[in-house]
Amino acid sequence: MEARDVVDYALQRRARLTELASGRVPRVEVCDADPYLQSAARHYGALTSHHCPVCSKARLTHVHYVYGDALGRIAGQAKSIAELRGMDAAFEAFRVYLVEVCAACGWNQLVRSFVLGRERHEFDSVAEGFGV
């Protein structure tokens, strides 16, 4: 599984944590994980070795959400790492959004996005037009 077109949101994360530390943003604004996100973290998430930057009580969980036209009805769903591996080979390009979540305080932040799936080449669309 090789990620491509990676976008890292580390600067946004750092800025959000700085706003919290300086008091410009209240804790309830950054620790506002939706119940669906919390549920996705429990069922599909991957526990990390990093502790929450807000409460330090729990280790962070990574949740992967998938989006793309090729995915049909499963677009927008959370997927496990094992499911992503299978999807990488089975689908044309789709984007994955990685969110970190703290089960203890509700901290959540977009960490990274990247593309997985088979690359579609220009030749593929031309060949389809000719029924190949």
N, C-alpha and C. Protein backbone atom coordinates (compact mmCIF):
# COMPACT_ATOMS: atom_id res chain seq x y z
N MET A 1 0.86 -1.17 0.00
CA MET A 1 0.00 0.00 0.00
C MET A 1 0.90 1.23 0.00
N GLU A 2 0.85 1.96 -1.07
CA GLU A 2 1.71 3.13 -1.20
C GLU A 2 0.87 4.39 -1.31
N ALA A 3 0.94 5.24 -0.30
CA ALA A 3 0.19 6.49 -0.30
C ALA A 3 0.86 7.48 -1.25
N ARG A 4 0.04 8.26 -1.93
CA ARG A 4 0.55 9.31 -2.81
C ARG A 4 -0.30 10.57 -2.62
N ASP A 5 0.17 11.67 -3.15
CA ASP A 5 -0.50 12.96 -2.99
C ASP A 5 -0.82 13.24 -1.51
N VAL A 6 0.19 13.10 -0.68
CA VAL A 6 0.03 13.24 0.77
C VAL A 6 -0.05 14.72 1.15
N VAL A 7 -1.02 15.06 1.99
CA VAL A 7 -1.16 16.40 2.55
C VAL A 7 -1.06 16.25 4.06
N ASP A 8 -0.12 16.95 4.66
CA ASP A 8 0.10 16.87 6.11
C ASP A 8 -0.49 18.12 6.77
N TYR A 9 -1.29 17.92 7.81
CA TYR A 9 -1.95 19.02 8.51
C TYR A 9 -1.29 19.35 9.84
N ALA A 10 -0.01 19.06 9.98
CA ALA A 10 0.72 19.29 11.23
C ALA A 10 0.72 20.76 11.64
N LEU A 11 0.83 21.67 10.69
CA LEU A 11 0.84 23.10 11.05
C LEU A 11 -0.51 23.54 11.60
N GLN A 12 -1.59 23.04 11.02
CA GLN A 12 -2.92 23.37 11.54
C GLN A 12 -3.11 22.80 12.95
N ARG A 13 -2.60 21.59 13.15
CA ARG A 13 -2.69 20.95 14.47
C ARG A 13 -1.94 21.79 15.50
N ARG A 14 -0.73 22.15 15.16
CA ARG A 14 0.10 22.95 16.07
C ARG A 14 -0.56 24.29 16.38
N ALA A 15 -1.14 24.92 15.36
CA ALA A 15 -1.81 26.20 15.57
C ALA A 15 -3.01 26.05 16.50
N ARG A 16 -3.77 24.98 16.32
CA ARG A 16 -4.93 24.74 17.17
C ARG A 16 -4.52 24.52 18.63
N LEU A 17 -3.46 23.75 18.83
CA LEU A 17 -2.98 23.51 20.19
C LEU A 17 -2.42 24.79 20.82
N THR A 18 -1.79 25.64 20.01
CA THR A 18 -1.28 26.93 20.50
C THR A 18 -2.44 27.83 20.92
N GLU A 19 -3.51 27.84 20.11
CA GLU A 19 -4.69 28.63 20.46
C GLU A 19 -5.29 28.16 21.79
N LEU A 20 -5.32 26.86 21.98
CA LEU A 20 -5.85 26.30 23.22
C LEU A 20 -4.96 26.69 24.41
N ALA A 21 -3.66 26.53 24.26
CA ALA A 21 -2.72 26.83 25.34
C ALA A 21 -2.74 28.31 25.73
N SER A 22 -2.98 29.17 24.76
CA SER A 22 -2.98 30.61 25.03
C SER A 22 -4.33 31.11 25.54
N GLY A 23 -5.34 30.26 25.52
CA GLY A 23 -6.66 30.63 26.00
C GLY A 23 -7.54 31.29 24.97
N ARG A 24 -7.07 31.41 23.73
CA ARG A 24 -7.89 32.02 22.67
C ARG A 24 -9.05 31.12 22.27
N VAL A 25 -8.91 29.82 22.51
CA VAL A 25 -9.96 28.85 22.18
C VAL A 25 -10.24 28.02 23.42
N PRO A 26 -11.51 27.88 23.80
CA PRO A 26 -11.81 27.07 24.98
C PRO A 26 -11.67 25.57 24.67
N ARG A 27 -11.40 24.80 25.70
CA ARG A 27 -11.20 23.36 25.55
C ARG A 27 -12.41 22.67 24.91
N VAL A 28 -13.60 23.13 25.22
CA VAL A 28 -14.81 22.49 24.66
C VAL A 28 -14.87 22.62 23.14
N GLU A 29 -14.16 23.59 22.58
CA GLU A 29 -14.13 23.75 21.12
C GLU A 29 -13.19 22.77 20.44
N VAL A 30 -12.15 22.33 21.12
CA VAL A 30 -11.20 21.41 20.50
C VAL A 30 -11.44 19.97 20.93
N CYS A 31 -12.17 19.79 22.00
CA CYS A 31 -12.48 18.45 22.50
C CYS A 31 -13.95 18.16 22.23
N ASP A 32 -14.31 18.19 20.96
CA ASP A 32 -15.72 18.11 20.56
C ASP A 32 -15.99 16.96 19.60
N ALA A 33 -15.31 15.84 19.80
CA ALA A 33 -15.48 14.69 18.90
C ALA A 33 -16.94 14.26 18.86
N ASP A 34 -17.47 14.16 17.68
CA ASP A 34 -18.83 13.71 17.44
C ASP A 34 -19.00 12.27 17.92
N PRO A 35 -20.17 11.89 18.42
CA PRO A 35 -20.37 10.49 18.85
C PRO A 35 -20.07 9.47 17.75
N TYR A 36 -20.35 9.83 16.50
CA TYR A 36 -20.05 8.91 15.39
C TYR A 36 -18.55 8.73 15.21
N LEU A 37 -17.80 9.82 15.39
CA LEU A 37 -16.34 9.74 15.30
C LEU A 37 -15.80 8.89 16.45
N GLN A 38 -16.32 9.08 17.64
CA GLN A 38 -15.89 8.27 18.79
C GLN A 38 -16.19 6.78 18.54
N SER A 39 -17.35 6.50 17.98
CA SER A 39 -17.72 5.12 17.67
C SER A 39 -16.80 4.53 16.60
N ALA A 40 -16.52 5.32 15.57
CA ALA A 40 -15.61 4.86 14.51
C ALA A 40 -14.23 4.58 15.09
N ALA A 41 -13.79 5.40 16.03
CA ALA A 41 -12.48 5.20 16.66
C ALA A 41 -12.45 3.86 17.40
N ARG A 42 -13.54 3.54 18.09
CA ARG A 42 -13.60 2.27 18.84
C ARG A 42 -13.63 1.06 17.92
N HIS A 43 -14.35 1.15 16.81
CA HIS A 43 -14.57 -0.02 15.96
C HIS A 43 -13.58 -0.17 14.80
N TYR A 44 -13.07 0.94 14.29
CA TYR A 44 -12.21 0.89 13.11
C TYR A 44 -10.84 1.52 13.34
N GLY A 45 -10.66 2.16 14.47
CA GLY A 45 -9.44 2.92 14.72
C GLY A 45 -8.24 2.06 15.04
N ALA A 46 -7.09 2.68 14.91
CA ALA A 46 -5.80 2.06 15.24
C ALA A 46 -5.19 2.85 16.39
N LEU A 47 -5.03 2.20 17.54
CA LEU A 47 -4.46 2.84 18.71
C LEU A 47 -2.99 3.18 18.44
N THR A 48 -2.59 4.39 18.77
CA THR A 48 -1.20 4.82 18.54
C THR A 48 -0.43 4.77 19.86
N SER A 49 0.85 5.07 19.79
CA SER A 49 1.68 5.14 21.00
C SER A 49 1.73 6.56 21.56
N HIS A 50 1.08 7.51 20.90
CA HIS A 50 1.11 8.91 21.31
C HIS A 50 -0.05 9.24 22.24
N HIS A 51 0.25 9.94 23.32
CA HIS A 51 -0.79 10.37 24.24
C HIS A 51 -1.44 11.67 23.75
N CYS A 52 -2.65 11.87 24.18
CA CYS A 52 -3.42 13.05 23.80
C CYS A 52 -2.66 14.32 24.18
N PRO A 53 -2.54 15.29 23.26
CA PRO A 53 -1.84 16.53 23.57
C PRO A 53 -2.64 17.46 24.48
N VAL A 54 -3.91 17.16 24.69
CA VAL A 54 -4.76 18.01 25.52
C VAL A 54 -4.85 17.49 26.95
N CYS A 55 -5.24 16.22 27.11
CA CYS A 55 -5.47 15.69 28.47
C CYS A 55 -4.36 14.76 28.96
N SER A 56 -3.58 14.21 28.07
CA SER A 56 -2.49 13.27 28.39
C SER A 56 -2.98 11.99 29.09
N LYS A 57 -4.28 11.76 29.17
CA LYS A 57 -4.82 10.60 29.87
C LYS A 57 -4.84 9.34 29.02
N ALA A 58 -5.07 9.49 27.74
CA ALA A 58 -5.24 8.32 26.88
C ALA A 58 -4.35 8.42 25.66
N ARG A 59 -4.09 7.28 25.06
CA ARG A 59 -3.37 7.27 23.79
C ARG A 59 -4.34 7.65 22.68
N LEU A 60 -3.83 8.29 21.67
CA LEU A 60 -4.64 8.69 20.53
C LEU A 60 -4.98 7.49 19.65
N THR A 61 -6.13 7.57 19.02
CA THR A 61 -6.56 6.57 18.05
C THR A 61 -6.63 7.23 16.69
N HIS A 62 -6.14 6.55 15.66
CA HIS A 62 -6.23 7.05 14.29
C HIS A 62 -7.41 6.40 13.60
N VAL A 63 -8.23 7.23 12.96
CA VAL A 63 -9.39 6.76 12.21
C VAL A 63 -9.21 7.21 10.76
N HIS A 64 -9.44 6.28 9.83
CA HIS A 64 -9.29 6.55 8.40
C HIS A 64 -10.66 6.59 7.74
N TYR A 65 -10.97 7.72 7.09
CA TYR A 65 -12.21 7.85 6.33
C TYR A 65 -11.87 7.86 4.84
N VAL A 66 -12.72 7.23 4.04
CA VAL A 66 -12.45 7.11 2.61
C VAL A 66 -13.49 7.88 1.80
N TYR A 67 -13.02 8.53 0.73
CA TYR A 67 -13.89 9.29 -0.16
C TYR A 67 -13.41 9.12 -1.59
N GLY A 68 -14.34 9.05 -2.51
CA GLY A 68 -13.99 8.97 -3.92
C GLY A 68 -15.15 8.43 -4.73
N ASP A 69 -15.25 8.89 -5.97
CA ASP A 69 -16.32 8.45 -6.86
C ASP A 69 -16.31 6.95 -7.09
N ALA A 70 -15.14 6.36 -7.16
CA ALA A 70 -15.02 4.94 -7.44
C ALA A 70 -15.57 4.07 -6.30
N LEU A 71 -15.75 4.64 -5.11
CA LEU A 71 -16.15 3.86 -3.94
C LEU A 71 -17.65 3.63 -3.83
N GLY A 72 -18.44 4.41 -4.54
CA GLY A 72 -19.89 4.24 -4.48
C GLY A 72 -20.42 4.46 -3.07
N ARG A 73 -21.22 3.51 -2.58
CA ARG A 73 -21.92 3.67 -1.30
C ARG A 73 -21.01 3.63 -0.08
N ILE A 74 -19.78 3.16 -0.23
CA ILE A 74 -18.89 3.10 0.94
C ILE A 74 -18.09 4.39 1.13
N ALA A 75 -18.24 5.34 0.21
CA ALA A 75 -17.59 6.64 0.37
C ALA A 75 -18.10 7.30 1.64
N GLY A 76 -17.19 7.86 2.41
CA GLY A 76 -17.54 8.54 3.64
C GLY A 76 -17.49 7.65 4.87
N GLN A 77 -17.17 6.39 4.69
CA GLN A 77 -17.12 5.46 5.82
C GLN A 77 -15.72 5.38 6.43
N ALA A 78 -15.68 5.01 7.70
CA ALA A 78 -14.41 4.74 8.37
C ALA A 78 -13.99 3.33 8.01
N LYS A 79 -12.70 3.13 7.82
CA LYS A 79 -12.17 1.82 7.43
C LYS A 79 -10.94 1.50 8.27
N SER A 80 -10.76 0.22 8.55
CA SER A 80 -9.58 -0.24 9.27
C SER A 80 -8.39 -0.29 8.32
N ILE A 81 -7.21 -0.45 8.87
CA ILE A 81 -5.99 -0.56 8.05
C ILE A 81 -6.10 -1.77 7.12
N ALA A 82 -6.60 -2.89 7.64
CA ALA A 82 -6.74 -4.10 6.82
C ALA A 82 -7.70 -3.85 5.65
N GLU A 83 -8.79 -3.14 5.91
CA GLU A 83 -9.74 -2.83 4.84
C GLU A 83 -9.11 -1.92 3.80
N LEU A 84 -8.30 -0.95 4.25
CA LEU A 84 -7.62 -0.05 3.31
C LEU A 84 -6.70 -0.82 2.39
N ARG A 85 -6.00 -1.82 2.93
CA ARG A 85 -5.11 -2.63 2.09
C ARG A 85 -5.88 -3.32 0.99
N GLY A 86 -7.02 -3.90 1.33
CA GLY A 86 -7.85 -4.56 0.32
C GLY A 86 -8.41 -3.59 -0.69
N MET A 87 -8.82 -2.43 -0.23
CA MET A 87 -9.39 -1.42 -1.12
C MET A 87 -8.34 -0.85 -2.06
N ASP A 88 -7.10 -0.77 -1.60
CA ASP A 88 -6.01 -0.23 -2.41
C ASP A 88 -5.88 -1.00 -3.72
N ALA A 89 -6.06 -2.30 -3.66
CA ALA A 89 -5.94 -3.14 -4.86
C ALA A 89 -7.25 -3.24 -5.63
N ALA A 90 -8.37 -3.04 -4.96
CA ALA A 90 -9.67 -3.29 -5.58
C ALA A 90 -10.30 -2.08 -6.27
N PHE A 91 -9.90 -0.88 -5.89
CA PHE A 91 -10.56 0.32 -6.40
C PHE A 91 -9.58 1.24 -7.13
N GLU A 92 -10.16 2.06 -8.01
CA GLU A 92 -9.38 3.14 -8.60
C GLU A 92 -9.12 4.16 -7.50
N ALA A 93 -8.33 5.15 -7.82
CA ALA A 93 -7.88 6.14 -6.84
C ALA A 93 -9.01 6.69 -5.98
N PHE A 94 -8.73 6.77 -4.67
CA PHE A 94 -9.65 7.37 -3.71
C PHE A 94 -8.83 8.05 -2.63
N ARG A 95 -9.42 9.04 -1.97
CA ARG A 95 -8.71 9.80 -0.94
C ARG A 95 -9.06 9.27 0.44
N VAL A 96 -8.03 9.23 1.29
CA VAL A 96 -8.17 8.79 2.68
C VAL A 96 -7.84 9.98 3.58
N TYR A 97 -8.69 10.20 4.58
CA TYR A 97 -8.46 11.25 5.57
C TYR A 97 -8.19 10.59 6.91
N LEU A 98 -7.06 10.91 7.50
CA LEU A 98 -6.65 10.34 8.79
C LEU A 98 -6.92 11.36 9.88
N VAL A 99 -7.75 10.96 10.86
CA VAL A 99 -8.13 11.83 11.97
C VAL A 99 -7.64 11.19 13.26
N GLU A 100 -7.04 11.99 14.15
CA GLU A 100 -6.67 11.48 15.46
C GLU A 100 -7.76 11.85 16.46
N VAL A 101 -8.04 10.90 17.37
CA VAL A 101 -9.14 11.07 18.32
C VAL A 101 -8.67 10.61 19.69
N CYS A 102 -9.09 11.35 20.72
CA CYS A 102 -8.84 10.94 22.11
C CYS A 102 -10.15 10.47 22.71
N ALA A 103 -10.17 9.23 23.17
CA ALA A 103 -11.37 8.66 23.78
C ALA A 103 -11.67 9.30 25.13
N ALA A 104 -10.67 9.82 25.79
CA ALA A 104 -10.86 10.37 27.14
C ALA A 104 -11.48 11.77 27.12
N CYS A 105 -10.96 12.67 26.28
CA CYS A 105 -11.43 14.06 26.33
C CYS A 105 -12.17 14.51 25.07
N GLY A 106 -12.09 13.75 23.99
CA GLY A 106 -12.79 14.13 22.77
C GLY A 106 -11.98 14.96 21.79
N TRP A 107 -10.69 15.18 22.08
CA TRP A 107 -9.82 15.88 21.12
C TRP A 107 -9.89 15.14 19.79
N ASN A 108 -9.96 15.88 18.70
CA ASN A 108 -9.92 15.29 17.36
C ASN A 108 -9.35 16.31 16.40
N GLN A 109 -8.56 15.80 15.48
CA GLN A 109 -7.88 16.69 14.55
C GLN A 109 -7.53 15.93 13.29
N LEU A 110 -7.75 16.56 12.15
CA LEU A 110 -7.31 15.99 10.88
C LEU A 110 -5.79 16.01 10.88
N VAL A 111 -5.18 14.85 10.59
CA VAL A 111 -3.72 14.73 10.64
C VAL A 111 -3.12 14.73 9.24
N ARG A 112 -3.74 13.98 8.35
CA ARG A 112 -3.14 13.78 7.03
C ARG A 112 -4.23 13.31 6.06
N SER A 113 -4.02 13.58 4.79
CA SER A 113 -4.85 12.97 3.75
C SER A 113 -3.91 12.46 2.67
N PHE A 114 -4.35 11.42 1.99
CA PHE A 114 -3.53 10.82 0.94
C PHE A 114 -4.41 10.03 0.00
N VAL A 115 -3.84 9.65 -1.13
CA VAL A 115 -4.56 8.88 -2.14
C VAL A 115 -4.05 7.45 -2.16
N LEU A 116 -4.98 6.52 -2.21
CA LEU A 116 -4.69 5.10 -2.42
C LEU A 116 -5.47 4.64 -3.63
N GLY A 117 -5.30 3.39 -4.00
CA GLY A 117 -6.04 2.82 -5.12
C GLY A 117 -5.22 2.80 -6.39
N ARG A 118 -5.77 2.08 -7.34
CA ARG A 118 -5.09 1.95 -8.64
C ARG A 118 -5.12 3.29 -9.37
N GLU A 119 -3.99 3.60 -9.95
CA GLU A 119 -3.93 4.83 -10.74
C GLU A 119 -4.61 4.59 -12.07
N ARG A 120 -5.41 5.54 -12.46
CA ARG A 120 -6.08 5.47 -13.75
C ARG A 120 -5.24 6.30 -14.72
N HIS A 121 -4.86 5.68 -15.80
CA HIS A 121 -4.04 6.37 -16.79
C HIS A 121 -4.93 6.92 -17.89
N GLU A 122 -4.45 7.95 -18.57
CA GLU A 122 -5.22 8.55 -19.64
C GLU A 122 -5.61 7.52 -20.68
N PHE A 123 -4.74 6.55 -20.93
CA PHE A 123 -5.02 5.52 -21.92
C PHE A 123 -6.27 4.73 -21.54
N ASP A 124 -6.49 4.52 -20.26
CA ASP A 124 -7.65 3.72 -19.80
C ASP A 124 -8.96 4.35 -20.27
N SER A 125 -9.09 5.67 -20.14
CA SER A 125 -10.34 6.31 -20.53
C SER A 125 -10.49 6.32 -22.05
N VAL A 126 -9.39 6.45 -22.77
CA VAL A 126 -9.45 6.41 -24.23
C VAL A 126 -9.84 5.00 -24.68
N ALA A 127 -9.25 3.99 -24.06
CA ALA A 127 -9.56 2.60 -24.42
C ALA A 127 -11.02 2.28 -24.15
N GLU A 128 -11.58 2.79 -23.05
CA GLU A 128 -12.98 2.55 -22.74
C GLU A 128 -13.87 3.14 -23.81
N GLY A 129 -13.50 4.28 -24.35
CA GLY A 129 -14.26 4.94 -25.40
C GLY A 129 -14.34 4.11 -26.67
N PHE A 130 -13.34 3.23 -26.88
CA PHE A 130 -13.31 2.38 -28.05
C PHE A 130 -13.80 0.97 -27.73
N GLY A 131 -14.30 0.77 -26.50
CA GLY A 131 -14.81 -0.53 -26.12
C GLY A 131 -13.73 -1.55 -25.84
N VAL A 132 -12.52 -1.10 -25.54
CA VAL A 132 -11.41 -2.00 -25.26
C VAL A 132 -11.40 -2.37 -23.80
